[in-house]
């Protein structure tokens, strides 16, 4: 009978050792999974931040070219308008408006600003 008890006790200890080892492996695996989930969350956060930064930059960058074309058209329009006006009174009015709105300075300064 003692032999039987000793045999069962050894089997029980072996079983306990295997169970403890499995438990340790499970804890290690769970810690690795948690770390992977944290890293994935950081990745999602970083992608969101990058998206929020890139959207306004892309908007400004793409519309800058259009704005530049519009300004060039307006400046050409002003130059051609000056050339078309033959009436001295209308020319004086146009020159006064250009002076009032500082068109000369604006036309020189606008390109570097863009």
C-alpha atoms as a PDB file:
ATOM      1  CA  UNK A   1       0.000   0.000   0.000  1.00  0.00           C
ATOM      2  CA  UNK A   2       2.822   2.432   0.815  1.00  0.00           C
ATOM      3  CA  UNK A   3       4.326   1.782  -2.563  1.00  0.00           C
ATOM      4  CA  UNK A   4       1.023   2.658  -4.183  1.00  0.00           C
ATOM      5  CA  UNK A   5       0.777   5.885  -2.162  1.00  0.00           C
ATOM      6  CA  UNK A   6       4.355   6.847  -3.032  1.00  0.00           C
ATOM      7  CA  UNK A   7       3.686   6.168  -6.704  1.00  0.00           C
ATOM      8  CA  UNK A   8       0.537   8.315  -6.630  1.00  0.00           C
ATOM      9  CA  UNK A   9       2.405  10.991  -4.705  1.00  0.00           C
ATOM     10  CA  UNK A  10       5.149  11.095  -7.379  1.00  0.00           C
ATOM     11  CA  UNK A  11       2.546  11.197 -10.107  1.00  0.00           C
ATOM     12  CA  UNK A  12       0.747  13.987  -8.279  1.00  0.00           C
ATOM     13  CA  UNK A  13       4.000  15.977  -7.846  1.00  0.00           C
ATOM     14  CA  UNK A  14       4.852  15.477 -11.518  1.00  0.00           C
ATOM     15  CA  UNK A  15       1.367  16.561 -12.477  1.00  0.00           C
ATOM     16  CA  UNK A  16       1.675  19.609 -10.204  1.00  0.00           C
ATOM     17  CA  UNK A  17       5.052  20.492 -11.732  1.00  0.00           C
ATOM     18  CA  UNK A  18       3.625  20.237 -15.260  1.00  0.00           C
ATOM     19  CA  UNK A  19       0.614  22.314 -14.236  1.00  0.00           C
ATOM     20  CA  UNK A  20       2.869  24.990 -12.697  1.00  0.00           C
ATOM     21  CA  UNK A  21       4.997  25.012 -15.861  1.00  0.00           C
ATOM     22  CA  UNK A  22       1.883  25.350 -18.037  1.00  0.00           C
ATOM     23  CA  UNK A  23       0.645  28.148 -15.789  1.00  0.00           C
ATOM     24  CA  UNK A  24       3.977  29.998 -16.146  1.00  0.00           C
ATOM     25  CA  UNK A  25       3.874  29.585 -19.935  1.00  0.00           C
ATOM     26  CA  UNK A  26       0.310  30.897 -19.987  1.00  0.00           C
ATOM     27  CA  UNK A  27       1.302  33.946 -17.919  1.00  0.00           C
ATOM     28  CA  UNK A  28       4.254  34.590 -20.215  1.00  0.00           C
ATOM     29  CA  UNK A  29       2.052  34.223 -23.275  1.00  0.00           C
ATOM     30  CA  UNK A  30      -0.558  36.585 -21.808  1.00  0.00           C
ATOM     31  CA  UNK A  31       2.130  39.183 -21.032  1.00  0.00           C
ATOM     32  CA  UNK A  32       3.350  38.953 -24.637  1.00  0.00           C
ATOM     33  CA  UNK A  33      -0.188  39.353 -25.950  1.00  0.00           C
ATOM     34  CA  UNK A  34      -0.769  42.391 -23.752  1.00  0.00           C
ATOM     35  CA  UNK A  35       2.466  43.934 -25.005  1.00  0.00           C
ATOM     36  CA  UNK A  36       1.429  43.281 -28.610  1.00  0.00           C
ATOM     37  CA  UNK A  37      -1.966  44.900 -27.982  1.00  0.00           C
ATOM     38  CA  UNK A  38      -0.284  47.948 -26.448  1.00  0.00           C
ATOM     39  CA  UNK A  39       2.011  48.257 -29.448  1.00  0.00           C
ATOM     40  CA  UNK A  40      -0.943  47.946 -31.816  1.00  0.00           C
ATOM     41  CA  UNK A  41      -2.776  50.689 -29.906  1.00  0.00           C
ATOM     42  CA  UNK A  42       0.265  52.951 -30.136  1.00  0.00           C
ATOM     43  CA  UNK A  43       0.433  52.247 -33.870  1.00  0.00           C
ATOM     44  CA  UNK A  44      -3.226  53.201 -34.326  1.00  0.00           C
ATOM     45  CA  UNK A  45      -2.679  56.371 -32.289  1.00  0.00           C
ATOM     46  CA  UNK A  46       0.396  57.322 -34.321  1.00  0.00           C
ATOM     47  CA  UNK A  47      -1.492  56.745 -37.581  1.00  0.00           C
ATOM     48  CA  UNK A  48      -4.319  58.960 -36.346  1.00  0.00           C
ATOM     49  CA  UNK A  49      -1.923  61.750 -35.392  1.00  0.00           C
ATOM     50  CA  UNK A  50      -0.166  61.510 -38.751  1.00  0.00           C
ATOM     51  CA  UNK A  51      -3.523  61.668 -40.528  1.00  0.00           C
ATOM     52  CA  UNK A  52      -4.559  64.768 -38.561  1.00  0.00           C
ATOM     53  CA  UNK A  53      -1.277  66.473 -39.453  1.00  0.00           C
ATOM     54  CA  UNK A  54      -1.260  65.480 -43.125  1.00  0.00           C
ATOM     55  CA  UNK A  55      -4.844  66.560 -43.908  1.00  0.00           C
ATOM     56  CA  UNK A  56      -4.409  70.300 -43.306  1.00  0.00           C
ATOM     57  CA  UNK A  57      -0.936  70.297 -44.831  1.00  0.00           C
ATOM     58  CA  UNK A  58      -2.257  68.577 -47.954  1.00  0.00           C
ATOM     59  CA  UNK A  59      -5.156  71.017 -48.156  1.00  0.00           C
ATOM     60  CA  UNK A  60      -2.874  74.047 -47.972  1.00  0.00           C
ATOM     61  CA  UNK A  61      -0.350  72.558 -50.355  1.00  0.00           C
ATOM     62  CA  UNK A  62      -2.879  71.656 -53.032  1.00  0.00           C
ATOM     63  CA  UNK A  63      -4.730  74.979 -52.801  1.00  0.00           C
ATOM     64  CA  UNK A  64      -1.566  77.069 -52.846  1.00  0.00           C
ATOM     65  CA  UNK A  65      -1.073  76.364 -56.545  1.00  0.00           C
ATOM     66  CA  UNK A  66      -4.646  77.386 -57.342  1.00  0.00           C
ATOM     67  CA  UNK A  67      -4.278  80.574 -55.283  1.00  0.00           C
ATOM     68  CA  UNK A  68      -1.056  81.403 -57.093  1.00  0.00           C
ATOM     69  CA  UNK A  69      -2.802  81.040 -60.467  1.00  0.00           C
ATOM     70  CA  UNK A  70      -5.676  83.254 -59.330  1.00  0.00           C
ATOM     71  CA  UNK A  71      -3.304  85.971 -58.173  1.00  0.00           C
ATOM     72  CA  UNK A  72      -1.361  85.872 -61.428  1.00  0.00           C
ATOM     73  CA  UNK A  73      -4.638  86.238 -63.334  1.00  0.00           C
ATOM     74  CA  UNK A  74      -5.681  89.206 -61.196  1.00  0.00           C
ATOM     75  CA  UNK A  75      -2.341  90.940 -61.700  1.00  0.00           C
ATOM     76  CA  UNK A  76      -2.466  90.378 -65.471  1.00  0.00           C
ATOM     77  CA  UNK A  77      -6.042  91.654 -65.482  1.00  0.00           C
ATOM     78  CA  UNK A  78      -4.963  94.841 -63.707  1.00  0.00           C
ATOM     79  CA  UNK A  79      -2.086  95.421 -66.136  1.00  0.00           C
ATOM     80  CA  UNK A  80      -4.287  94.895 -69.187  1.00  0.00           C
ATOM     81  CA  UNK A  81      -6.987  97.130 -67.731  1.00  0.00           C
ATOM     82  CA  UNK A  82      -4.442  99.936 -67.364  1.00  0.00           C
ATOM     83  CA  UNK A  83      -3.445  99.469 -70.996  1.00  0.00           C
ATOM     84  CA  UNK A  84      -7.033  99.432 -72.287  1.00  0.00           C
ATOM     85  CA  UNK A  85      -8.190 102.601 -70.620  1.00  0.00           C
ATOM     86  CA  UNK A  86      -7.781 105.504 -73.026  1.00  0.00           C
ATOM     87  CA  UNK A  87      -9.872 108.029 -71.151  1.00  0.00           C
ATOM     88  CA  UNK A  88      -7.470 110.139 -69.008  1.00  0.00           C
ATOM     89  CA  UNK A  89     -10.090 110.571 -66.260  1.00  0.00           C
ATOM     90  CA  UNK A  90     -10.622 106.792 -66.043  1.00  0.00           C
ATOM     91  CA  UNK A  91      -6.858 106.249 -66.002  1.00  0.00           C
ATOM     92  CA  UNK A  92      -6.498 108.714 -63.123  1.00  0.00           C
ATOM     93  CA  UNK A  93      -9.288 106.938 -61.212  1.00  0.00           C
ATOM     94  CA  UNK A  94      -7.683 103.552 -61.784  1.00  0.00           C
ATOM     95  CA  UNK A  95      -4.298 104.870 -60.654  1.00  0.00           C
ATOM     96  CA  UNK A  96      -5.900 106.382 -57.558  1.00  0.00           C
ATOM     97  CA  UNK A  97      -7.611 103.086 -56.742  1.00  0.00           C
ATOM     98  CA  UNK A  98      -4.310 101.248 -57.241  1.00  0.00           C
ATOM     99  CA  UNK A  99      -2.669 103.745 -54.888  1.00  0.00           C
ATOM    100  CA  UNK A 100      -5.487 103.481 -52.330  1.00  0.00           C
ATOM    101  CA  UNK A 101      -5.226  99.691 -52.268  1.00  0.00           C
ATOM    102  CA  UNK A 102      -1.411  99.716 -52.579  1.00  0.00           C
ATOM    103  CA  UNK A 103      -1.560  97.419 -55.602  1.00  0.00           C
ATOM    104  CA  UNK A 104       2.069  98.089 -56.548  1.00  0.00           C
ATOM    105  CA  UNK A 105       3.348  96.838 -53.184  1.00  0.00           C
ATOM    106  CA  UNK A 106       0.918  93.932 -53.060  1.00  0.00           C
ATOM    107  CA  UNK A 107       1.874  92.724 -56.546  1.00  0.00           C
ATOM    108  CA  UNK A 108       5.569  92.739 -55.551  1.00  0.00           C
ATOM    109  CA  UNK A 109       5.051  91.161 -52.149  1.00  0.00           C
ATOM    110  CA  UNK A 110       2.481  88.488 -52.955  1.00  0.00           C
ATOM    111  CA  UNK A 111       4.760  86.024 -54.777  1.00  0.00           C
ATOM    112  CA  UNK A 112       7.269  85.658 -51.905  1.00  0.00           C
ATOM    113  CA  UNK A 113       4.381  85.230 -49.461  1.00  0.00           C
ATOM    114  CA  UNK A 114       2.977  82.313 -51.410  1.00  0.00           C
END
